[in-house]
């Protein structure tokens, strides 16, 4: 019986003590990581297509990946 009361008090205190600033910071970090992951993967697919199918080779694909990531950094 004492455990149930302790759990109930703890749950109530925990619900009232939420750190909304930390939640917002964590969510902003998640959005940032998601955005840059999508940008990098799209640039990687484009660079691989150029390297494999357009005759760019390993060096051309790698350079294109670096250029696309740099452009995305300044645009987004």
Protein backbone atom coordinates (compact mmCIF):
# COMPACT_ATOMS: atom_id res chain seq x y z
CA UNK A 1 0.00 0.00 0.00
CA UNK A 2 2.85 2.36 0.77
CA UNK A 3 4.32 1.69 -2.66
CA UNK A 4 1.12 2.80 -4.40
CA UNK A 5 1.03 6.07 -2.48
CA UNK A 6 4.70 6.73 -3.17
CA UNK A 7 4.24 6.03 -6.88
CA UNK A 8 1.24 8.33 -7.03
CA UNK A 9 3.11 11.18 -5.35
CA UNK A 10 6.12 10.68 -7.58
CA UNK A 11 3.99 10.71 -10.75
CA UNK A 12 2.26 13.92 -9.75
CA UNK A 13 5.48 15.67 -8.83
CA UNK A 14 7.15 14.51 -12.03
CA UNK A 15 4.29 15.74 -14.22
CA UNK A 16 4.46 19.21 -12.69
CA UNK A 17 8.24 19.48 -12.97
CA UNK A 18 8.64 19.08 -16.73
CA UNK A 19 11.50 21.01 -18.25
CA UNK A 20 9.97 22.57 -21.34
CA UNK A 21 13.13 24.44 -22.28
CA UNK A 22 15.06 21.17 -22.43
CA UNK A 23 12.24 19.61 -24.47
CA UNK A 24 12.37 22.45 -27.00
CA UNK A 25 16.17 22.20 -27.23
CA UNK A 26 16.01 18.45 -27.80
CA UNK A 27 13.31 18.83 -30.47
CA UNK A 28 15.29 21.56 -32.23
CA UNK A 29 18.34 19.28 -32.26
CA UNK A 30 16.27 16.43 -33.68
CA UNK A 31 14.94 18.67 -36.46
CA UNK A 32 18.45 19.94 -37.25
CA UNK A 33 19.85 16.42 -37.46
CA UNK A 34 16.93 15.23 -39.60
CA UNK A 35 17.27 18.16 -42.01
CA UNK A 36 21.00 17.68 -42.53
CA UNK A 37 20.67 13.91 -42.82
CA UNK A 38 18.15 14.30 -45.64
CA UNK A 39 20.30 16.94 -47.36
CA UNK A 40 23.42 14.77 -47.11
CA UNK A 41 21.66 11.65 -48.36
CA UNK A 42 20.14 13.52 -51.33
CA UNK A 43 23.56 14.97 -52.20
CA UNK A 44 25.12 11.51 -51.86
CA UNK A 45 22.57 9.98 -54.24
CA UNK A 46 23.15 12.72 -56.81
CA UNK A 47 26.94 12.36 -56.48
CA UNK A 48 26.72 8.58 -56.84
CA UNK A 49 24.57 8.93 -59.94
CA UNK A 50 27.09 11.33 -61.49
CA UNK A 51 30.00 9.12 -60.49
CA UNK A 52 28.50 5.88 -61.79
CA UNK A 53 26.39 6.88 -64.77
CA UNK A 54 27.71 10.22 -66.03
CA UNK A 55 31.35 9.19 -66.13
CA UNK A 56 32.46 11.29 -63.20
CA UNK A 57 34.18 8.43 -61.43
CA UNK A 58 35.14 8.36 -57.78
CA UNK A 59 36.90 11.72 -57.80
CA UNK A 60 34.13 13.52 -59.67
CA UNK A 61 31.41 12.05 -57.45
CA UNK A 62 33.33 12.93 -54.29
CA UNK A 63 33.97 16.48 -55.44
CA UNK A 64 30.31 16.89 -56.38
CA UNK A 65 29.25 15.61 -52.94
CA UNK A 66 31.49 18.18 -51.25
CA UNK A 67 30.23 20.98 -53.50
CA UNK A 68 26.56 20.07 -52.97
CA UNK A 69 27.00 19.91 -49.20
CA UNK A 70 28.76 23.29 -49.21
CA UNK A 71 25.97 24.84 -51.29
CA UNK A 72 23.37 23.39 -48.93
CA UNK A 73 25.26 24.80 -45.95
CA UNK A 74 25.04 28.34 -47.32
CA UNK A 75 21.47 28.01 -48.65
CA UNK A 76 19.85 26.30 -45.70
